[in-house]
């Protein structure tokens, strides 16, 4: 439901652009864009994670467009500097990627390197270690393959019959929201139960989808790349005790620093929406030594310290929409004023 709300909001913005609704003002000094998977278009009606994907071709078009619009491409260190200083003449954009997906080095990095633009990659260290659980991929595969699905939800076994695409999409959304509400240990048990029943090798699926440390070392050698942390296991921090959440942050930072022998200054809150982290986690990010922490709450970065560096907004690009007009509206931070009615003409 939340993703549908975002889609409708972006559609509203494009309609406002197309109908010529007048601009009230432009705000902020720049935008941070968030991407997850970058891969060629996939066939098939059931693609519940399509909203998290873009194609390499779209990434190329977006970068070209942002250059035409005279945006400065910044790394996260420079974003932090501009967020606390006086506004500069040109607006900025920062490109960020979550999850350390294998697709990034296969499909996104050739585009980014060709354009020579900086970008940040936030790594959950359990995944290159080969022990992370991409439970959302396991859930997707089970629902894609099966028409009758049963699993334990709490202490009760639930059964679902899903034959059509709409039913499968609805079930994925329902179970995804339920799983995200669980404590990490309960989530791990729930997805293990589901994947065991339907013979999905979640460990192999997760390893195949993620970069390994050799891939990451190749990226880290590029001075245009900022390596950040996304904790260890990519948990929903709001479902954890504060001590466990802080440990996820500090251990993710420590493992990444040891792997690359450099300071890791930037964090991405896992999932990053309003239901996945709290004000206490913003404080923890500072305690853990991060200069910035990004969310997935949509918004624009302000100057002169008006945006909290450890709760930075990001514009998550929806892979179902490929409108550069809409992207231009979103990154500019424009606010639309209502159209004033014109005086009627009577005969």
C-alpha atoms as a PDB file:
ATOM      1  CA  UNK A   1       0.000   0.000   0.000  1.00  0.00           C
ATOM      2  CA  UNK A   2       2.823   2.437   0.807  1.00  0.00           C
ATOM      3  CA  UNK A   3       4.429   1.815  -2.586  1.00  0.00           C
ATOM      4  CA  UNK A   4       1.063   2.450  -4.291  1.00  0.00           C
ATOM      5  CA  UNK A   5       0.788   5.744  -2.409  1.00  0.00           C
ATOM      6  CA  UNK A   6       4.244   6.761  -3.660  1.00  0.00           C
ATOM      7  CA  UNK A   7       3.279   5.798  -7.207  1.00  0.00           C
ATOM      8  CA  UNK A   8       0.109   7.902  -7.035  1.00  0.00           C
ATOM      9  CA  UNK A   9       2.018  10.870  -5.632  1.00  0.00           C
ATOM     10  CA  UNK A  10       4.544  10.717  -8.445  1.00  0.00           C
ATOM     11  CA  UNK A  11       1.764  10.395 -10.985  1.00  0.00           C
ATOM     12  CA  UNK A  12       0.185  13.515  -9.497  1.00  0.00           C
ATOM     13  CA  UNK A  13       3.451  15.379  -9.925  1.00  0.00           C
ATOM     14  CA  UNK A  14       3.736  14.396 -13.563  1.00  0.00           C
ATOM     15  CA  UNK A  15       0.134  15.398 -14.238  1.00  0.00           C
ATOM     16  CA  UNK A  16       0.883  18.729 -12.604  1.00  0.00           C
ATOM     17  CA  UNK A  17       3.853  19.142 -14.947  1.00  0.00           C
ATOM     18  CA  UNK A  18       1.853  18.182 -18.024  1.00  0.00           C
ATOM     19  CA  UNK A  19      -1.077  20.467 -17.205  1.00  0.00           C
ATOM     20  CA  UNK A  20       1.200  23.444 -16.638  1.00  0.00           C
ATOM     21  CA  UNK A  21       0.210  23.958 -13.018  1.00  0.00           C
ATOM     22  CA  UNK A  22       2.228  27.013 -11.891  1.00  0.00           C
ATOM     23  CA  UNK A  23       5.178  26.645  -9.551  1.00  0.00           C
ATOM     24  CA  UNK A  24       4.978  28.202  -6.132  1.00  0.00           C
ATOM     25  CA  UNK A  25       8.649  27.937  -5.248  1.00  0.00           C
ATOM     26  CA  UNK A  26      11.686  25.716  -5.432  1.00  0.00           C
ATOM     27  CA  UNK A  27      13.210  24.564  -2.158  1.00  0.00           C
ATOM     28  CA  UNK A  28      16.391  22.995  -0.876  1.00  0.00           C
ATOM     29  CA  UNK A  29      19.814  22.825  -2.461  1.00  0.00           C
ATOM     30  CA  UNK A  30      19.938  19.301  -3.791  1.00  0.00           C
ATOM     31  CA  UNK A  31      18.605  15.774  -3.797  1.00  0.00           C
ATOM     32  CA  UNK A  32      19.867  12.305  -2.956  1.00  0.00           C
ATOM     33  CA  UNK A  33      18.571   9.621  -5.317  1.00  0.00           C
ATOM     34  CA  UNK A  34      18.199   6.038  -4.116  1.00  0.00           C
ATOM     35  CA  UNK A  35      18.368   2.964  -6.336  1.00  0.00           C
ATOM     36  CA  UNK A  36      18.443  -0.740  -5.508  1.00  0.00           C
ATOM     37  CA  UNK A  37      18.650  -3.106  -8.475  1.00  0.00           C
ATOM     38  CA  UNK A  38      19.814  -2.187 -11.978  1.00  0.00           C
ATOM     39  CA  UNK A  39      19.280  -4.903 -14.556  1.00  0.00           C
ATOM     40  CA  UNK A  40      17.773  -5.456 -18.019  1.00  0.00           C
ATOM     41  CA  UNK A  41      14.006  -5.597 -18.325  1.00  0.00           C
ATOM     42  CA  UNK A  42      12.575  -8.875 -17.048  1.00  0.00           C
ATOM     43  CA  UNK A  43       9.629 -10.618 -18.670  1.00  0.00           C
ATOM     44  CA  UNK A  44       6.733 -11.928 -16.645  1.00  0.00           C
ATOM     45  CA  UNK A  45       3.559 -10.540 -15.110  1.00  0.00           C
ATOM     46  CA  UNK A  46       4.452 -11.347 -11.496  1.00  0.00           C
ATOM     47  CA  UNK A  47       7.267  -8.985 -10.542  1.00  0.00           C
ATOM     48  CA  UNK A  48       6.470  -7.654  -7.072  1.00  0.00           C
ATOM     49  CA  UNK A  49       9.941  -6.126  -6.706  1.00  0.00           C
ATOM     50  CA  UNK A  50       9.849  -4.209  -9.983  1.00  0.00           C
ATOM     51  CA  UNK A  51       9.401  -0.946  -8.078  1.00  0.00           C
ATOM     52  CA  UNK A  52      12.948  -1.456  -6.764  1.00  0.00           C
ATOM     53  CA  UNK A  53      14.496  -1.941 -10.212  1.00  0.00           C
ATOM     54  CA  UNK A  54      15.574   0.232 -13.102  1.00  0.00           C
ATOM     55  CA  UNK A  55      17.264  -0.735 -16.365  1.00  0.00           C
ATOM     56  CA  UNK A  56      20.832   0.251 -17.292  1.00  0.00           C
ATOM     57  CA  UNK A  57      19.344   2.225 -20.171  1.00  0.00           C
ATOM     58  CA  UNK A  58      17.204   4.291 -17.825  1.00  0.00           C
ATOM     59  CA  UNK A  59      20.172   4.934 -15.527  1.00  0.00           C
ATOM     60  CA  UNK A  60      22.131   6.196 -18.530  1.00  0.00           C
ATOM     61  CA  UNK A  61      19.271   8.465 -19.634  1.00  0.00           C
ATOM     62  CA  UNK A  62      18.823   9.824 -16.105  1.00  0.00           C
ATOM     63  CA  UNK A  63      22.503  10.729 -15.735  1.00  0.00           C
ATOM     64  CA  UNK A  64      22.545  12.393 -19.144  1.00  0.00           C
ATOM     65  CA  UNK A  65      19.442  14.383 -18.232  1.00  0.00           C
ATOM     66  CA  UNK A  66      20.821  15.499 -14.863  1.00  0.00           C
ATOM     67  CA  UNK A  67      23.956  16.721 -16.641  1.00  0.00           C
ATOM     68  CA  UNK A  68      21.819  18.686 -19.128  1.00  0.00           C
ATOM     69  CA  UNK A  69      19.940  20.237 -16.227  1.00  0.00           C
ATOM     70  CA  UNK A  70      23.271  21.492 -14.802  1.00  0.00           C
ATOM     71  CA  UNK A  71      23.274  19.497 -11.580  1.00  0.00           C
ATOM     72  CA  UNK A  72      26.518  18.946  -9.694  1.00  0.00           C
ATOM     73  CA  UNK A  73      27.114  15.229  -9.016  1.00  0.00           C
ATOM     74  CA  UNK A  74      28.414  14.870  -5.460  1.00  0.00           C
ATOM     75  CA  UNK A  75      29.779  12.187  -3.187  1.00  0.00           C
ATOM     76  CA  UNK A  76      28.338  11.929   0.305  1.00  0.00           C
ATOM     77  CA  UNK A  77      31.201  13.820   1.979  1.00  0.00           C
ATOM     78  CA  UNK A  78      30.480  16.845  -0.202  1.00  0.00           C
ATOM     79  CA  UNK A  79      26.714  16.464   0.376  1.00  0.00           C
ATOM     80  CA  UNK A  80      27.376  16.787   4.104  1.00  0.00           C
ATOM     81  CA  UNK A  81      29.430  19.933   3.521  1.00  0.00           C
ATOM     82  CA  UNK A  82      26.813  21.602   1.348  1.00  0.00           C
ATOM     83  CA  UNK A  83      24.072  20.729   3.823  1.00  0.00           C
ATOM     84  CA  UNK A  84      25.677  22.909   6.514  1.00  0.00           C
ATOM     85  CA  UNK A  85      26.992  25.833   4.435  1.00  0.00           C
ATOM     86  CA  UNK A  86      25.369  28.681   2.537  1.00  0.00           C
ATOM     87  CA  UNK A  87      23.532  27.672  -0.649  1.00  0.00           C
ATOM     88  CA  UNK A  88      25.619  27.551  -3.808  1.00  0.00           C
ATOM     89  CA  UNK A  89      24.491  28.661  -7.240  1.00  0.00           C
ATOM     90  CA  UNK A  90      24.060  25.181  -8.709  1.00  0.00           C
ATOM     91  CA  UNK A  91      21.897  22.462  -7.223  1.00  0.00           C
ATOM     92  CA  UNK A  92      23.366  19.032  -6.579  1.00  0.00           C
ATOM     93  CA  UNK A  93      22.354  15.426  -6.925  1.00  0.00           C
ATOM     94  CA  UNK A  94      23.909  12.399  -5.220  1.00  0.00           C
ATOM     95  CA  UNK A  95      23.443   8.855  -6.528  1.00  0.00           C
ATOM     96  CA  UNK A  96      23.171   6.102  -3.903  1.00  0.00           C
ATOM     97  CA  UNK A  97      22.636   2.351  -4.145  1.00  0.00           C
ATOM     98  CA  UNK A  98      21.372   0.067  -1.378  1.00  0.00           C
ATOM     99  CA  UNK A  99      21.875  -3.625  -0.786  1.00  0.00           C
ATOM    100  CA  UNK A 100      25.126  -4.484  -2.599  1.00  0.00           C
ATOM    101  CA  UNK A 101      23.236  -6.356  -5.308  1.00  0.00           C
ATOM    102  CA  UNK A 102      25.326  -8.282  -7.857  1.00  0.00           C
ATOM    103  CA  UNK A 103      23.472  -6.372 -10.560  1.00  0.00           C
ATOM    104  CA  UNK A 104      25.243  -3.185  -9.535  1.00  0.00           C
ATOM    105  CA  UNK A 105      28.674  -4.318 -10.675  1.00  0.00           C
ATOM    106  CA  UNK A 106      27.275  -6.203 -13.692  1.00  0.00           C
ATOM    107  CA  UNK A 107      24.905  -3.570 -15.077  1.00  0.00           C
ATOM    108  CA  UNK A 108      25.087  -0.271 -13.170  1.00  0.00           C
ATOM    109  CA  UNK A 109      28.828   0.199 -12.696  1.00  0.00           C
ATOM    110  CA  UNK A 110      29.677   0.208 -16.440  1.00  0.00           C
ATOM    111  CA  UNK A 111      27.187   3.076 -16.900  1.00  0.00           C
ATOM    112  CA  UNK A 112      28.404   5.004 -13.863  1.00  0.00           C
ATOM    113  CA  UNK A 113      32.071   4.561 -14.815  1.00  0.00           C
ATOM    114  CA  UNK A 114      31.434   5.674 -18.377  1.00  0.00           C
ATOM    115  CA  UNK A 115      29.860   8.892 -17.105  1.00  0.00           C
ATOM    116  CA  UNK A 116      32.580   9.321 -14.435  1.00  0.00           C
ATOM    117  CA  UNK A 117      30.061  10.344 -11.782  1.00  0.00           C
ATOM    118  CA  UNK A 118      30.472   9.723  -8.038  1.00  0.00           C
ATOM    119  CA  UNK A 119      28.088   7.420  -6.214  1.00  0.00           C
ATOM    120  CA  UNK A 120      27.660   5.786  -2.816  1.00  0.00           C
ATOM    121  CA  UNK A 121      27.089   2.102  -2.129  1.00  0.00           C
ATOM    122  CA  UNK A 122      25.704   0.973   1.248  1.00  0.00           C
ATOM    123  CA  UNK A 123      26.808  -2.541   2.189  1.00  0.00           C
ATOM    124  CA  UNK A 124      25.123  -4.943   4.653  1.00  0.00           C
ATOM    125  CA  UNK A 125      28.165  -7.033   5.495  1.00  0.00           C
ATOM    126  CA  UNK A 126      26.398 -10.381   6.043  1.00  0.00           C
ATOM    127  CA  UNK A 127      25.661 -10.549   2.310  1.00  0.00           C
ATOM    128  CA  UNK A 128      29.211 -10.406   0.885  1.00  0.00           C
ATOM    129  CA  UNK A 129      30.110 -12.743   3.755  1.00  0.00           C
ATOM    130  CA  UNK A 130      27.650 -15.215   2.204  1.00  0.00           C
ATOM    131  CA  UNK A 131      25.385 -15.492   5.260  1.00  0.00           C
ATOM    132  CA  UNK A 132      22.808 -12.765   4.623  1.00  0.00           C
ATOM    133  CA  UNK A 133      19.184 -13.745   4.057  1.00  0.00           C
ATOM    134  CA  UNK A 134      17.466 -11.982   1.144  1.00  0.00           C
ATOM    135  CA  UNK A 135      14.108 -13.122   2.477  1.00  0.00           C
ATOM    136  CA  UNK A 136      12.189 -10.943   0.027  1.00  0.00           C
ATOM    137  CA  UNK A 137      13.676 -12.926  -2.875  1.00  0.00           C
ATOM    138  CA  UNK A 138      12.725 -16.214  -1.254  1.00  0.00           C
ATOM    139  CA  UNK A 139       9.190 -14.979  -0.711  1.00  0.00           C
ATOM    140  CA  UNK A 140       9.002 -13.856  -4.338  1.00  0.00           C
ATOM    141  CA  UNK A 141      10.135 -17.243  -5.672  1.00  0.00           C
ATOM    142  CA  UNK A 142       7.698 -19.237  -3.551  1.00  0.00           C
ATOM    143  CA  UNK A 143       4.696 -17.170  -4.624  1.00  0.00           C
ATOM    144  CA  UNK A 144       5.815 -17.152  -8.262  1.00  0.00           C
ATOM    145  CA  UNK A 145       6.028 -20.967  -8.377  1.00  0.00           C
ATOM    146  CA  UNK A 146       3.124 -22.057  -6.201  1.00  0.00           C
ATOM    147  CA  UNK A 147      -0.654 -21.675  -6.317  1.00  0.00           C
ATOM    148  CA  UNK A 148      -1.288 -23.176  -2.875  1.00  0.00           C
ATOM    149  CA  UNK A 149       0.868 -21.801  -0.096  1.00  0.00           C
ATOM    150  CA  UNK A 150       0.888 -22.548   3.622  1.00  0.00           C
ATOM    151  CA  UNK A 151       3.121 -21.230   6.365  1.00  0.00           C
ATOM    152  CA  UNK A 152       3.214 -20.668  10.093  1.00  0.00           C
ATOM    153  CA  UNK A 153       2.151 -17.156  11.089  1.00  0.00           C
ATOM    154  CA  UNK A 154       2.680 -16.927  14.815  1.00  0.00           C
ATOM    155  CA  UNK A 155       1.392 -20.155  16.346  1.00  0.00           C
ATOM    156  CA  UNK A 156      -1.129 -20.853  13.588  1.00  0.00           C
ATOM    157  CA  UNK A 157      -0.716 -22.344  10.140  1.00  0.00           C
ATOM    158  CA  UNK A 158      -2.219 -20.202   7.381  1.00  0.00           C
ATOM    159  CA  UNK A 159      -3.157 -21.392   3.895  1.00  0.00           C
ATOM    160  CA  UNK A 160      -3.579 -19.312   0.752  1.00  0.00           C
ATOM    161  CA  UNK A 161      -4.807 -20.162  -2.738  1.00  0.00           C
ATOM    162  CA  UNK A 162      -3.384 -17.802  -5.347  1.00  0.00           C
ATOM    163  CA  UNK A 163      -3.961 -18.532  -9.011  1.00  0.00           C
ATOM    164  CA  UNK A 164      -3.866 -15.202 -10.804  1.00  0.00           C
ATOM    165  CA  UNK A 165      -1.280 -12.443 -10.927  1.00  0.00           C
ATOM    166  CA  UNK A 166      -3.424 -10.025  -8.911  1.00  0.00           C
ATOM    167  CA  UNK A 167      -3.841 -12.578  -6.118  1.00  0.00           C
ATOM    168  CA  UNK A 168      -0.116 -13.298  -6.089  1.00  0.00           C
ATOM    169  CA  UNK A 169       0.736  -9.594  -5.946  1.00  0.00           C
ATOM    170  CA  UNK A 170      -1.683  -9.091  -3.055  1.00  0.00           C
ATOM    171  CA  UNK A 171      -0.294 -12.075  -1.143  1.00  0.00           C
ATOM    172  CA  UNK A 172       3.285 -10.895  -1.625  1.00  0.00           C
ATOM    173  CA  UNK A 173       2.387  -7.455  -0.267  1.00  0.00           C
ATOM    174  CA  UNK A 174       0.563  -8.973   2.707  1.00  0.00           C
ATOM    175  CA  UNK A 175       3.334 -11.397   3.657  1.00  0.00           C
ATOM    176  CA  UNK A 176       6.103  -8.854   3.026  1.00  0.00           C
ATOM    177  CA  UNK A 177       4.460  -6.407   5.427  1.00  0.00           C
ATOM    178  CA  UNK A 178       3.976  -9.165   7.995  1.00  0.00           C
ATOM    179  CA  UNK A 179       7.574 -10.345   7.768  1.00  0.00           C
ATOM    180  CA  UNK A 180       8.899  -6.802   8.065  1.00  0.00           C
ATOM    181  CA  UNK A 181       6.968  -6.462  11.330  1.00  0.00           C
ATOM    182  CA  UNK A 182       8.787  -9.414  12.927  1.00  0.00           C
ATOM    183  CA  UNK A 183      11.815  -9.382  15.179  1.00  0.00           C
ATOM    184  CA  UNK A 184      14.927 -10.611  13.294  1.00  0.00           C
ATOM    185  CA  UNK A 185      14.939 -14.084  14.873  1.00  0.00           C
ATOM    186  CA  UNK A 186      11.231 -14.579  14.175  1.00  0.00           C
ATOM    187  CA  UNK A 187      11.667 -13.363  10.595  1.00  0.00           C
ATOM    188  CA  UNK A 188      14.531 -15.795  10.025  1.00  0.00           C
ATOM    189  CA  UNK A 189      12.407 -18.656  11.374  1.00  0.00           C
ATOM    190  CA  UNK A 190       9.396 -17.669   9.263  1.00  0.00           C
ATOM    191  CA  UNK A 191      11.269 -17.467   5.960  1.00  0.00           C
ATOM    192  CA  UNK A 192      13.201 -20.681   6.749  1.00  0.00           C
ATOM    193  CA  UNK A 193       9.904 -22.485   7.337  1.00  0.00           C
ATOM    194  CA  UNK A 194       8.439 -21.178   4.075  1.00  0.00           C
ATOM    195  CA  UNK A 195      11.499 -21.903   1.930  1.00  0.00           C
ATOM    196  CA  UNK A 196      11.986 -25.386   3.403  1.00  0.00           C
ATOM    197  CA  UNK A 197       8.390 -26.312   2.604  1.00  0.00           C
ATOM    198  CA  UNK A 198       8.760 -25.301  -1.035  1.00  0.00           C
ATOM    199  CA  UNK A 199      12.386 -26.352  -1.577  1.00  0.00           C
ATOM    200  CA  UNK A 200      13.843 -22.910  -2.088  1.00  0.00           C
ATOM    201  CA  UNK A 201      17.551 -22.710  -1.240  1.00  0.00           C
ATOM    202  CA  UNK A 202      17.488 -19.282   0.377  1.00  0.00           C
ATOM    203  CA  UNK A 203      21.208 -19.317   1.189  1.00  0.00           C
ATOM    204  CA  UNK A 204      22.181 -19.981  -2.432  1.00  0.00           C
ATOM    205  CA  UNK A 205      19.620 -17.487  -3.719  1.00  0.00           C
ATOM    206  CA  UNK A 206      20.972 -14.793  -1.408  1.00  0.00           C
ATOM    207  CA  UNK A 207      24.609 -15.454  -2.322  1.00  0.00           C
ATOM    208  CA  UNK A 208      23.832 -15.425  -6.036  1.00  0.00           C
ATOM    209  CA  UNK A 209      22.068 -12.046  -5.769  1.00  0.00           C
ATOM    210  CA  UNK A 210      24.805 -10.312  -3.789  1.00  0.00           C
ATOM    211  CA  UNK A 211      28.288  -9.029  -4.550  1.00  0.00           C
ATOM    212  CA  UNK A 212      31.159 -10.711  -2.749  1.00  0.00           C
ATOM    213  CA  UNK A 213      34.140  -8.959  -1.158  1.00  0.00           C
ATOM    214  CA  UNK A 214      36.172  -9.277  -4.358  1.00  0.00           C
ATOM    215  CA  UNK A 215      33.469  -7.388  -6.272  1.00  0.00           C
ATOM    216  CA  UNK A 216      33.329  -4.739  -3.579  1.00  0.00           C
ATOM    217  CA  UNK A 217      37.126  -4.371  -3.538  1.00  0.00           C
ATOM    218  CA  UNK A 218      37.003  -3.582  -7.250  1.00  0.00           C
ATOM    219  CA  UNK A 219      34.474  -0.823  -6.610  1.00  0.00           C
ATOM    220  CA  UNK A 220      36.309   0.475  -3.554  1.00  0.00           C
ATOM    221  CA  UNK A 221      39.432   1.002  -5.678  1.00  0.00           C
ATOM    222  CA  UNK A 222      37.551   3.608  -7.735  1.00  0.00           C
ATOM    223  CA  UNK A 223      37.957   7.091  -6.188  1.00  0.00           C
ATOM    224  CA  UNK A 224      34.465   7.988  -7.437  1.00  0.00           C
ATOM    225  CA  UNK A 225      32.896   5.351  -5.175  1.00  0.00           C
ATOM    226  CA  UNK A 226      31.969   5.952  -1.537  1.00  0.00           C
ATOM    227  CA  UNK A 227      31.525   2.730   0.430  1.00  0.00           C
ATOM    228  CA  UNK A 228      28.996   3.089   3.225  1.00  0.00           C
ATOM    229  CA  UNK A 229      27.446   0.733   5.746  1.00  0.00           C
ATOM    230  CA  UNK A 230      23.938  -0.724   5.879  1.00  0.00           C
ATOM    231  CA  UNK A 231      24.520  -2.615   9.162  1.00  0.00           C
ATOM    232  CA  UNK A 232      25.374  -6.333   9.215  1.00  0.00           C
ATOM    233  CA  UNK A 233      22.123  -8.199   8.509  1.00  0.00           C
ATOM    234  CA  UNK A 234      19.932  -5.409   7.089  1.00  0.00           C
ATOM    235  CA  UNK A 235      17.275  -5.747   9.811  1.00  0.00           C
ATOM    236  CA  UNK A 236      14.274  -3.563  10.526  1.00  0.00           C
ATOM    237  CA  UNK A 237      15.856  -1.629  13.410  1.00  0.00           C
ATOM    238  CA  UNK A 238      12.476  -0.655  14.847  1.00  0.00           C
ATOM    239  CA  UNK A 239      11.842  -4.341  15.683  1.00  0.00           C
ATOM    240  CA  UNK A 240      15.005  -4.624  17.792  1.00  0.00           C
ATOM    241  CA  UNK A 241      16.067  -3.635  21.255  1.00  0.00           C
ATOM    242  CA  UNK A 242      18.218  -0.511  21.286  1.00  0.00           C
ATOM    243  CA  UNK A 243      21.350  -2.412  22.322  1.00  0.00           C
ATOM    244  CA  UNK A 244      20.942  -4.853  19.428  1.00  0.00           C
ATOM    245  CA  UNK A 245      20.260  -2.037  16.951  1.00  0.00           C
ATOM    246  CA  UNK A 246      23.370  -0.160  18.046  1.00  0.00           C
ATOM    247  CA  UNK A 247      25.408  -3.354  17.735  1.00  0.00           C
ATOM    248  CA  UNK A 248      24.162  -3.793  14.147  1.00  0.00           C
ATOM    249  CA  UNK A 249      25.395  -0.283  13.337  1.00  0.00           C
ATOM    250  CA  UNK A 250      28.759  -0.504  15.081  1.00  0.00           C
ATOM    251  CA  UNK A 251      29.564  -4.013  13.860  1.00  0.00           C
ATOM    252  CA  UNK A 252      28.595  -3.178  10.279  1.00  0.00           C
ATOM    253  CA  UNK A 253      30.903  -0.178  10.409  1.00  0.00           C
ATOM    254  CA  UNK A 254      33.755  -2.130  12.001  1.00  0.00           C
ATOM    255  CA  UNK A 255      33.593  -5.034   9.519  1.00  0.00           C
ATOM    256  CA  UNK A 256      33.498  -2.701   6.522  1.00  0.00           C
ATOM    257  CA  UNK A 257      36.390  -0.619   7.860  1.00  0.00           C
ATOM    258  CA  UNK A 258      38.463  -3.749   8.447  1.00  0.00           C
ATOM    259  CA  UNK A 259      37.692  -5.027   4.942  1.00  0.00           C
ATOM    260  CA  UNK A 260      38.684  -1.819   3.138  1.00  0.00           C
ATOM    261  CA  UNK A 261      41.140  -0.340   5.647  1.00  0.00           C
ATOM    262  CA  UNK A 262      39.457   3.042   5.565  1.00  0.00           C
ATOM    263  CA  UNK A 263      37.042   5.016   7.705  1.00  0.00           C
ATOM    264  CA  UNK A 264      33.396   4.345   6.914  1.00  0.00           C
ATOM    265  CA  UNK A 265      31.571   7.630   7.457  1.00  0.00           C
ATOM    266  CA  UNK A 266      28.121   7.043   5.982  1.00  0.00           C
ATOM    267  CA  UNK A 267      25.201   4.807   6.960  1.00  0.00           C
ATOM    268  CA  UNK A 268      21.928   3.801   5.320  1.00  0.00           C
ATOM    269  CA  UNK A 269      19.118   2.777   7.647  1.00  0.00           C
ATOM    270  CA  UNK A 270      17.832  -0.627   6.430  1.00  0.00           C
ATOM    271  CA  UNK A 271      14.546  -0.133   4.563  1.00  0.00           C
ATOM    272  CA  UNK A 272      14.693   3.442   5.852  1.00  0.00           C
ATOM    273  CA  UNK A 273      11.001   4.345   5.909  1.00  0.00           C
ATOM    274  CA  UNK A 274       9.185   5.828   8.892  1.00  0.00           C
ATOM    275  CA  UNK A 275       8.250   2.410  10.265  1.00  0.00           C
ATOM    276  CA  UNK A 276      11.781   1.000  10.223  1.00  0.00           C
ATOM    277  CA  UNK A 277      13.769   3.412  12.405  1.00  0.00           C
ATOM    278  CA  UNK A 278      13.139   5.852  15.235  1.00  0.00           C
ATOM    279  CA  UNK A 279      14.619   9.058  16.604  1.00  0.00           C
ATOM    280  CA  UNK A 280      16.750   6.925  18.936  1.00  0.00           C
ATOM    281  CA  UNK A 281      18.429   5.328  15.917  1.00  0.00           C
ATOM    282  CA  UNK A 282      19.340   8.760  14.566  1.00  0.00           C
ATOM    283  CA  UNK A 283      21.153   9.438  17.847  1.00  0.00           C
ATOM    284  CA  UNK A 284      22.802   6.002  17.667  1.00  0.00           C
ATOM    285  CA  UNK A 285      24.167   6.777  14.211  1.00  0.00           C
ATOM    286  CA  UNK A 286      26.013   9.754  15.656  1.00  0.00           C
ATOM    287  CA  UNK A 287      27.221   7.711  18.641  1.00  0.00           C
ATOM    288  CA  UNK A 288      28.549   5.050  16.248  1.00  0.00           C
ATOM    289  CA  UNK A 289      30.657   7.684  14.494  1.00  0.00           C
ATOM    290  CA  UNK A 290      28.767   8.170  11.246  1.00  0.00           C
ATOM    291  CA  UNK A 291      28.923  11.606   9.618  1.00  0.00           C
ATOM    292  CA  UNK A 292      25.633  10.937   7.827  1.00  0.00           C
ATOM    293  CA  UNK A 293      22.761   8.475   7.725  1.00  0.00           C
ATOM    294  CA  UNK A 294      20.255   8.273   4.900  1.00  0.00           C
ATOM    295  CA  UNK A 295      16.634   7.198   5.017  1.00  0.00           C
ATOM    296  CA  UNK A 296      14.112   6.391   2.296  1.00  0.00           C
ATOM    297  CA  UNK A 297      11.817   9.189   3.412  1.00  0.00           C
ATOM    298  CA  UNK A 298      11.291  11.329   0.337  1.00  0.00           C
ATOM    299  CA  UNK A 299      12.526  14.897   0.450  1.00  0.00           C
ATOM    300  CA  UNK A 300      15.112  17.483  -0.505  1.00  0.00           C
ATOM    301  CA  UNK A 301      18.307  18.457   1.320  1.00  0.00           C
ATOM    302  CA  UNK A 302      18.370  21.984   2.734  1.00  0.00           C
ATOM    303  CA  UNK A 303      21.449  24.149   3.421  1.00  0.00           C
ATOM    304  CA  UNK A 304      22.742  25.876   6.565  1.00  0.00           C
ATOM    305  CA  UNK A 305      22.129  22.892   8.838  1.00  0.00           C
ATOM    306  CA  UNK A 306      18.360  22.759   8.373  1.00  0.00           C
ATOM    307  CA  UNK A 307      18.487  19.063   7.387  1.00  0.00           C
ATOM    308  CA  UNK A 308      19.603  16.532   9.990  1.00  0.00           C
ATOM    309  CA  UNK A 309      22.698  14.852   8.539  1.00  0.00           C
ATOM    310  CA  UNK A 310      21.789  11.590  10.257  1.00  0.00           C
ATOM    311  CA  UNK A 311      18.244  11.507   8.905  1.00  0.00           C
ATOM    312  CA  UNK A 312      18.857  12.591   5.329  1.00  0.00           C
ATOM    313  CA  UNK A 313      15.915  12.223   2.935  1.00  0.00           C
ATOM    314  CA  UNK A 314      16.250  10.372  -0.349  1.00  0.00           C
ATOM    315  CA  UNK A 315      14.122  10.109  -3.446  1.00  0.00           C
ATOM    316  CA  UNK A 316      13.610   6.398  -4.145  1.00  0.00           C
ATOM    317  CA  UNK A 317      13.166   5.902  -7.846  1.00  0.00           C
ATOM    318  CA  UNK A 318      10.265   3.617  -8.763  1.00  0.00           C
ATOM    319  CA  UNK A 319      11.272   1.262 -11.562  1.00  0.00           C
ATOM    320  CA  UNK A 320       7.719   1.065 -12.878  1.00  0.00           C
ATOM    321  CA  UNK A 321       7.948   4.706 -13.970  1.00  0.00           C
ATOM    322  CA  UNK A 322      10.466   5.963 -16.497  1.00  0.00           C
ATOM    323  CA  UNK A 323       9.575   9.624 -16.757  1.00  0.00           C
ATOM    324  CA  UNK A 324      12.479  12.055 -16.798  1.00  0.00           C
ATOM    325  CA  UNK A 325       9.969  14.885 -16.463  1.00  0.00           C
ATOM    326  CA  UNK A 326       8.887  13.477 -13.132  1.00  0.00           C
ATOM    327  CA  UNK A 327      12.482  13.045 -12.041  1.00  0.00           C
ATOM    328  CA  UNK A 328      13.178  16.682 -12.852  1.00  0.00           C
ATOM    329  CA  UNK A 329      10.209  17.777 -10.729  1.00  0.00           C
ATOM    330  CA  UNK A 330      11.234  15.596  -7.789  1.00  0.00           C
ATOM    331  CA  UNK A 331      14.922  16.546  -7.659  1.00  0.00           C
ATOM    332  CA  UNK A 332      14.143  20.254  -8.035  1.00  0.00           C
ATOM    333  CA  UNK A 333      12.052  20.272  -4.872  1.00  0.00           C
ATOM    334  CA  UNK A 334       9.310  22.315  -6.456  1.00  0.00           C
ATOM    335  CA  UNK A 335       6.043  22.860  -4.664  1.00  0.00           C
ATOM    336  CA  UNK A 336       2.976  23.289  -6.801  1.00  0.00           C
ATOM    337  CA  UNK A 337       0.525  26.073  -6.155  1.00  0.00           C
ATOM    338  CA  UNK A 338      -3.163  25.542  -6.816  1.00  0.00           C
ATOM    339  CA  UNK A 339      -4.353  26.849 -10.139  1.00  0.00           C
ATOM    340  CA  UNK A 340      -6.339  30.001  -9.535  1.00  0.00           C
ATOM    341  CA  UNK A 341      -9.726  30.006 -11.275  1.00  0.00           C
ATOM    342  CA  UNK A 342     -10.002  32.509 -14.057  1.00  0.00           C
ATOM    343  CA  UNK A 343     -12.857  34.982 -14.148  1.00  0.00           C
ATOM    344  CA  UNK A 344     -15.799  33.695 -16.134  1.00  0.00           C
ATOM    345  CA  UNK A 345     -16.783  35.461 -19.319  1.00  0.00           C
ATOM    346  CA  UNK A 346     -20.444  36.043 -19.712  1.00  0.00           C
ATOM    347  CA  UNK A 347     -22.168  36.954 -22.924  1.00  0.00           C
END
